[in-house]
Amino acid sequence: MKKELRVKKNKDFQEIFQKGYSFANRQFVVYSLKKEGQEIFRIGLSVSKKLGNAVTRNQIKRYIRQAIFELKDQLYAGNDYIIIARKPAAEMDFFEVKKSLTHVLKVGKVLKSPKRT
């Protein structure tokens, strides 16, 4: 995922937490905030130390980034998202992570239906 597609600053995280809305399932919590005048979406990731050691946390983040990369055409542009991993995400493989993220994004109505050809 490119640098400009990431939420990195604490100030941005706090703004999304306070002004955005959240939706969740058992594995992930997602906060979303509409940004006026922004043509791209940005993603912030949060994986707690409670989920495991650095290797486990980095693996979860890689899985989430790859899933978002594959879903990028279906996400609404102009939004900022923060994805927080919960405990069950530590035992999931990539396909389970992608399926769970797709589900939670559909629950939050921020995922467009895929284009049929």
N, C-alpha and C. Protein backbone atom coordinates (compact mmCIF):
# COMPACT_ATOMS: atom_id res chain seq x y z
N MET A 1 0.84 -1.18 0.00
CA MET A 1 0.00 0.00 0.00
C MET A 1 0.89 1.24 0.00
N LYS A 2 0.58 2.19 -0.86
CA LYS A 2 1.41 3.38 -0.98
C LYS A 2 1.29 4.26 0.25
N LYS A 3 2.33 5.07 0.49
CA LYS A 3 2.38 5.92 1.68
C LYS A 3 1.22 6.90 1.73
N GLU A 4 0.82 7.45 0.58
CA GLU A 4 -0.26 8.44 0.59
C GLU A 4 -1.62 7.82 0.89
N LEU A 5 -1.71 6.50 0.89
CA LEU A 5 -2.95 5.81 1.21
C LEU A 5 -3.04 5.43 2.69
N ARG A 6 -2.10 5.91 3.52
CA ARG A 6 -2.08 5.53 4.93
C ARG A 6 -2.38 6.72 5.84
N VAL A 7 -3.06 6.44 6.93
CA VAL A 7 -3.25 7.42 8.00
C VAL A 7 -2.12 7.15 8.99
N LYS A 8 -1.26 8.14 9.21
CA LYS A 8 -0.10 7.93 10.06
C LYS A 8 -0.08 8.82 11.31
N LYS A 9 -0.58 10.03 11.20
CA LYS A 9 -0.47 11.00 12.29
C LYS A 9 -1.51 10.76 13.38
N ASN A 10 -1.08 10.92 14.62
CA ASN A 10 -1.96 10.74 15.76
C ASN A 10 -3.16 11.69 15.67
N LYS A 11 -2.93 12.91 15.21
CA LYS A 11 -4.00 13.91 15.07
C LYS A 11 -5.10 13.39 14.13
N ASP A 12 -4.69 12.74 13.02
CA ASP A 12 -5.66 12.18 12.08
C ASP A 12 -6.43 11.02 12.70
N PHE A 13 -5.72 10.16 13.44
CA PHE A 13 -6.38 9.05 14.12
C PHE A 13 -7.44 9.58 15.09
N GLN A 14 -7.07 10.57 15.90
CA GLN A 14 -7.99 11.11 16.89
C GLN A 14 -9.21 11.74 16.23
N GLU A 15 -9.01 12.44 15.12
CA GLU A 15 -10.13 13.06 14.41
C GLU A 15 -11.10 12.00 13.89
N ILE A 16 -10.56 10.92 13.35
CA ILE A 16 -11.41 9.84 12.83
C ILE A 16 -12.17 9.16 13.98
N PHE A 17 -11.48 8.93 15.12
CA PHE A 17 -12.15 8.33 16.27
C PHE A 17 -13.29 9.21 16.77
N GLN A 18 -13.07 10.52 16.84
CA GLN A 18 -14.06 11.42 17.43
C GLN A 18 -15.20 11.78 16.47
N LYS A 19 -14.89 12.03 15.21
CA LYS A 19 -15.91 12.52 14.27
C LYS A 19 -16.49 11.43 13.39
N GLY A 20 -15.78 10.31 13.25
CA GLY A 20 -16.23 9.25 12.37
C GLY A 20 -17.24 8.34 13.04
N TYR A 21 -17.71 7.36 12.30
CA TYR A 21 -18.61 6.36 12.88
C TYR A 21 -17.96 4.99 12.77
N SER A 22 -18.38 4.08 13.64
CA SER A 22 -17.73 2.77 13.70
C SER A 22 -18.73 1.65 13.43
N PHE A 23 -18.18 0.54 12.97
CA PHE A 23 -18.93 -0.69 12.78
C PHE A 23 -17.96 -1.82 13.02
N ALA A 24 -18.49 -2.98 13.41
CA ALA A 24 -17.59 -4.05 13.85
C ALA A 24 -18.20 -5.43 13.61
N ASN A 25 -17.31 -6.41 13.63
CA ASN A 25 -17.70 -7.81 13.77
C ASN A 25 -16.78 -8.40 14.83
N ARG A 26 -16.69 -9.70 14.94
CA ARG A 26 -15.90 -10.29 16.02
C ARG A 26 -14.40 -10.09 15.85
N GLN A 27 -13.93 -9.94 14.61
CA GLN A 27 -12.50 -9.86 14.36
C GLN A 27 -11.97 -8.43 14.19
N PHE A 28 -12.81 -7.51 13.70
CA PHE A 28 -12.33 -6.17 13.37
C PHE A 28 -13.33 -5.09 13.79
N VAL A 29 -12.79 -3.92 14.15
CA VAL A 29 -13.57 -2.71 14.32
C VAL A 29 -13.07 -1.74 13.26
N VAL A 30 -13.99 -1.11 12.55
CA VAL A 30 -13.61 -0.16 11.51
C VAL A 30 -14.26 1.19 11.81
N TYR A 31 -13.45 2.24 11.82
CA TYR A 31 -13.95 3.60 11.93
C TYR A 31 -13.85 4.22 10.55
N SER A 32 -14.87 5.00 10.17
CA SER A 32 -14.89 5.64 8.87
C SER A 32 -15.25 7.11 9.02
N LEU A 33 -14.56 7.96 8.26
CA LEU A 33 -14.84 9.39 8.27
C LEU A 33 -14.76 9.92 6.85
N LYS A 34 -15.84 10.58 6.40
CA LYS A 34 -15.87 11.19 5.06
C LYS A 34 -15.03 12.46 5.08
N LYS A 35 -14.11 12.58 4.11
CA LYS A 35 -13.25 13.76 4.00
C LYS A 35 -13.61 14.50 2.72
N GLU A 36 -14.04 15.75 2.87
CA GLU A 36 -14.39 16.56 1.71
C GLU A 36 -13.12 16.95 0.95
N GLY A 37 -13.18 16.89 -0.37
CA GLY A 37 -12.06 17.30 -1.20
C GLY A 37 -10.92 16.30 -1.29
N GLN A 38 -11.14 15.10 -0.82
CA GLN A 38 -10.10 14.06 -0.87
C GLN A 38 -10.51 13.03 -1.91
N GLU A 39 -9.68 12.81 -2.93
CA GLU A 39 -10.05 11.91 -4.03
C GLU A 39 -9.72 10.45 -3.76
N ILE A 40 -8.89 10.18 -2.76
CA ILE A 40 -8.48 8.81 -2.47
C ILE A 40 -8.96 8.42 -1.07
N PHE A 41 -8.96 7.13 -0.79
CA PHE A 41 -9.23 6.69 0.57
C PHE A 41 -7.90 6.45 1.26
N ARG A 42 -7.90 6.58 2.60
CA ARG A 42 -6.70 6.30 3.38
C ARG A 42 -7.05 5.28 4.46
N ILE A 43 -6.06 4.46 4.80
CA ILE A 43 -6.25 3.38 5.77
C ILE A 43 -5.26 3.56 6.92
N GLY A 44 -5.75 3.43 8.14
CA GLY A 44 -4.89 3.37 9.33
C GLY A 44 -5.11 2.03 9.99
N LEU A 45 -4.04 1.41 10.47
CA LEU A 45 -4.13 0.10 11.10
C LEU A 45 -3.73 0.19 12.56
N SER A 46 -4.42 -0.58 13.39
CA SER A 46 -4.07 -0.66 14.80
C SER A 46 -4.16 -2.12 15.23
N VAL A 47 -3.03 -2.66 15.65
CA VAL A 47 -2.98 -4.04 16.13
C VAL A 47 -2.31 -4.02 17.50
N SER A 48 -3.06 -4.36 18.52
CA SER A 48 -2.59 -4.28 19.89
C SER A 48 -1.52 -5.31 20.21
N LYS A 49 -0.68 -4.98 21.19
CA LYS A 49 0.33 -5.94 21.66
C LYS A 49 -0.31 -7.16 22.32
N LYS A 50 -1.57 -7.04 22.69
CA LYS A 50 -2.27 -8.17 23.31
C LYS A 50 -2.50 -9.32 22.31
N LEU A 51 -2.39 -9.01 21.02
CA LEU A 51 -2.65 -10.02 20.00
C LEU A 51 -1.47 -10.96 19.77
N GLY A 52 -0.29 -10.59 20.24
CA GLY A 52 0.86 -11.47 20.07
C GLY A 52 2.14 -10.69 19.93
N ASN A 53 3.19 -11.41 19.58
CA ASN A 53 4.50 -10.77 19.44
C ASN A 53 4.56 -9.98 18.13
N ALA A 54 5.68 -9.34 17.87
CA ALA A 54 5.82 -8.47 16.70
C ALA A 54 5.59 -9.23 15.39
N VAL A 55 6.05 -10.46 15.32
CA VAL A 55 5.88 -11.26 14.11
C VAL A 55 4.39 -11.45 13.81
N THR A 56 3.63 -11.82 14.83
CA THR A 56 2.19 -12.03 14.67
C THR A 56 1.49 -10.74 14.28
N ARG A 57 1.81 -9.64 14.96
CA ARG A 57 1.17 -8.36 14.67
C ARG A 57 1.48 -7.89 13.25
N ASN A 58 2.73 -8.04 12.83
CA ASN A 58 3.09 -7.63 11.47
C ASN A 58 2.42 -8.50 10.42
N GLN A 59 2.26 -9.78 10.72
CA GLN A 59 1.57 -10.68 9.79
C GLN A 59 0.11 -10.25 9.63
N ILE A 60 -0.56 -9.92 10.73
CA ILE A 60 -1.95 -9.45 10.67
C ILE A 60 -2.03 -8.18 9.81
N LYS A 61 -1.09 -7.25 10.03
CA LYS A 61 -1.10 -6.00 9.25
C LYS A 61 -0.87 -6.27 7.76
N ARG A 62 0.03 -7.21 7.44
CA ARG A 62 0.26 -7.55 6.03
C ARG A 62 -1.01 -8.13 5.41
N TYR A 63 -1.68 -9.02 6.14
CA TYR A 63 -2.92 -9.61 5.63
C TYR A 63 -3.98 -8.53 5.39
N ILE A 64 -4.13 -7.60 6.34
CA ILE A 64 -5.12 -6.54 6.19
C ILE A 64 -4.78 -5.66 4.99
N ARG A 65 -3.51 -5.27 4.86
CA ARG A 65 -3.11 -4.43 3.72
C ARG A 65 -3.38 -5.11 2.39
N GLN A 66 -3.07 -6.40 2.30
CA GLN A 66 -3.30 -7.13 1.06
C GLN A 66 -4.79 -7.25 0.76
N ALA A 67 -5.60 -7.50 1.78
CA ALA A 67 -7.05 -7.59 1.59
C ALA A 67 -7.60 -6.26 1.10
N ILE A 68 -7.14 -5.16 1.69
CA ILE A 68 -7.59 -3.83 1.27
C ILE A 68 -7.13 -3.55 -0.16
N PHE A 69 -5.90 -3.96 -0.49
CA PHE A 69 -5.40 -3.79 -1.85
C PHE A 69 -6.31 -4.49 -2.86
N GLU A 70 -6.78 -5.69 -2.51
CA GLU A 70 -7.65 -6.44 -3.41
C GLU A 70 -9.06 -5.87 -3.45
N LEU A 71 -9.48 -5.15 -2.41
CA LEU A 71 -10.82 -4.57 -2.35
C LEU A 71 -10.83 -3.08 -2.71
N LYS A 72 -9.70 -2.53 -3.11
CA LYS A 72 -9.58 -1.07 -3.26
C LYS A 72 -10.56 -0.49 -4.28
N ASP A 73 -10.90 -1.23 -5.32
CA ASP A 73 -11.84 -0.72 -6.32
C ASP A 73 -13.27 -0.65 -5.79
N GLN A 74 -13.55 -1.38 -4.72
CA GLN A 74 -14.90 -1.40 -4.17
C GLN A 74 -15.08 -0.41 -3.01
N LEU A 75 -13.97 0.11 -2.46
CA LEU A 75 -14.07 1.06 -1.36
C LEU A 75 -14.39 2.45 -1.89
N TYR A 76 -15.20 3.19 -1.14
CA TYR A 76 -15.53 4.55 -1.53
C TYR A 76 -14.33 5.46 -1.35
N ALA A 77 -14.00 6.23 -2.39
CA ALA A 77 -12.91 7.20 -2.31
C ALA A 77 -13.38 8.39 -1.49
N GLY A 78 -12.42 9.12 -0.91
CA GLY A 78 -12.76 10.29 -0.12
C GLY A 78 -13.03 9.99 1.34
N ASN A 79 -12.82 8.76 1.76
CA ASN A 79 -13.01 8.39 3.16
C ASN A 79 -11.67 8.03 3.79
N ASP A 80 -11.60 8.22 5.10
CA ASP A 80 -10.49 7.70 5.89
C ASP A 80 -11.03 6.54 6.71
N TYR A 81 -10.27 5.46 6.81
CA TYR A 81 -10.68 4.28 7.57
C TYR A 81 -9.60 3.93 8.57
N ILE A 82 -10.02 3.52 9.77
CA ILE A 82 -9.10 2.93 10.73
C ILE A 82 -9.60 1.53 11.00
N ILE A 83 -8.72 0.55 10.86
CA ILE A 83 -9.06 -0.84 11.08
C ILE A 83 -8.33 -1.31 12.33
N ILE A 84 -9.10 -1.76 13.30
CA ILE A 84 -8.53 -2.26 14.55
C ILE A 84 -8.78 -3.76 14.61
N ALA A 85 -7.70 -4.52 14.77
CA ALA A 85 -7.80 -5.98 14.83
C ALA A 85 -8.13 -6.40 16.26
N ARG A 86 -9.04 -7.34 16.38
CA ARG A 86 -9.38 -7.93 17.68
C ARG A 86 -8.70 -9.29 17.82
N LYS A 87 -8.79 -9.86 19.01
CA LYS A 87 -8.08 -11.09 19.36
C LYS A 87 -8.24 -12.25 18.36
N PRO A 88 -9.47 -12.56 17.86
CA PRO A 88 -9.58 -13.70 16.95
C PRO A 88 -8.79 -13.55 15.65
N ALA A 89 -8.43 -12.32 15.27
CA ALA A 89 -7.68 -12.10 14.02
C ALA A 89 -6.30 -12.74 14.07
N ALA A 90 -5.77 -12.97 15.26
CA ALA A 90 -4.42 -13.52 15.39
C ALA A 90 -4.33 -14.96 14.88
N GLU A 91 -5.43 -15.71 14.91
CA GLU A 91 -5.41 -17.11 14.48
C GLU A 91 -5.92 -17.30 13.06
N MET A 92 -6.17 -16.22 12.33
CA MET A 92 -6.77 -16.33 11.01
C MET A 92 -5.70 -16.33 9.91
N ASP A 93 -6.01 -17.03 8.80
CA ASP A 93 -5.13 -16.95 7.64
C ASP A 93 -5.63 -15.81 6.73
N PHE A 94 -4.94 -15.58 5.63
CA PHE A 94 -5.26 -14.44 4.77
C PHE A 94 -6.70 -14.47 4.26
N PHE A 95 -7.16 -15.65 3.81
CA PHE A 95 -8.48 -15.73 3.21
C PHE A 95 -9.57 -15.46 4.23
N GLU A 96 -9.36 -15.90 5.46
CA GLU A 96 -10.32 -15.60 6.53
C GLU A 96 -10.32 -14.11 6.86
N VAL A 97 -9.13 -13.49 6.87
CA VAL A 97 -9.03 -12.05 7.12
C VAL A 97 -9.78 -11.28 6.04
N LYS A 98 -9.56 -11.64 4.78
CA LYS A 98 -10.23 -10.94 3.68
C LYS A 98 -11.74 -11.11 3.76
N LYS A 99 -12.19 -12.32 4.05
CA LYS A 99 -13.63 -12.58 4.15
C LYS A 99 -14.25 -11.77 5.30
N SER A 100 -13.57 -11.73 6.43
CA SER A 100 -14.07 -11.00 7.59
C SER A 100 -14.07 -9.49 7.33
N LEU A 101 -13.01 -8.97 6.71
CA LEU A 101 -12.96 -7.54 6.38
C LEU A 101 -14.05 -7.18 5.38
N THR A 102 -14.26 -8.01 4.37
CA THR A 102 -15.33 -7.77 3.41
C THR A 102 -16.67 -7.70 4.12
N HIS A 103 -16.89 -8.62 5.06
CA HIS A 103 -18.14 -8.64 5.81
C HIS A 103 -18.33 -7.36 6.62
N VAL A 104 -17.32 -6.94 7.37
CA VAL A 104 -17.46 -5.77 8.22
C VAL A 104 -17.60 -4.50 7.39
N LEU A 105 -16.95 -4.43 6.23
CA LEU A 105 -17.10 -3.25 5.37
C LEU A 105 -18.49 -3.20 4.74
N LYS A 106 -19.07 -4.37 4.45
CA LYS A 106 -20.45 -4.40 3.95
C LYS A 106 -21.42 -3.98 5.04
N VAL A 107 -21.16 -4.40 6.27
CA VAL A 107 -22.01 -4.00 7.41
C VAL A 107 -22.02 -2.48 7.54
N GLY A 108 -20.86 -1.86 7.35
CA GLY A 108 -20.75 -0.41 7.47
C GLY A 108 -21.17 0.34 6.22
N LYS A 109 -21.60 -0.40 5.19
CA LYS A 109 -22.06 0.19 3.92
C LYS A 109 -20.99 1.08 3.28
N VAL A 110 -19.73 0.71 3.37
CA VAL A 110 -18.65 1.45 2.71
C VAL A 110 -18.02 0.65 1.58
N LEU A 111 -18.63 -0.49 1.25
CA LEU A 111 -18.13 -1.34 0.17
C LEU A 111 -19.16 -1.35 -0.95
N LYS A 112 -18.74 -0.97 -2.14
CA LYS A 112 -19.63 -1.00 -3.31
C LYS A 112 -19.78 -2.45 -3.74
N SER A 113 -20.88 -2.74 -4.41
CA SER A 113 -21.03 -4.09 -4.95
C SER A 113 -20.08 -4.23 -6.13
N PRO A 114 -19.45 -5.40 -6.29
CA PRO A 114 -18.47 -5.57 -7.37
C PRO A 114 -19.12 -5.42 -8.74
N LYS A 115 -18.35 -4.90 -9.68
CA LYS A 115 -18.84 -4.72 -11.06
C LYS A 115 -18.94 -6.08 -11.73
N ARG A 116 -20.06 -6.32 -12.35
CA ARG A 116 -20.23 -7.58 -13.08
C ARG A 116 -19.99 -7.33 -14.56
N THR A 117 -19.27 -8.25 -15.19
CA THR A 117 -18.97 -8.06 -16.62
C THR A 117 -19.71 -9.07 -17.46
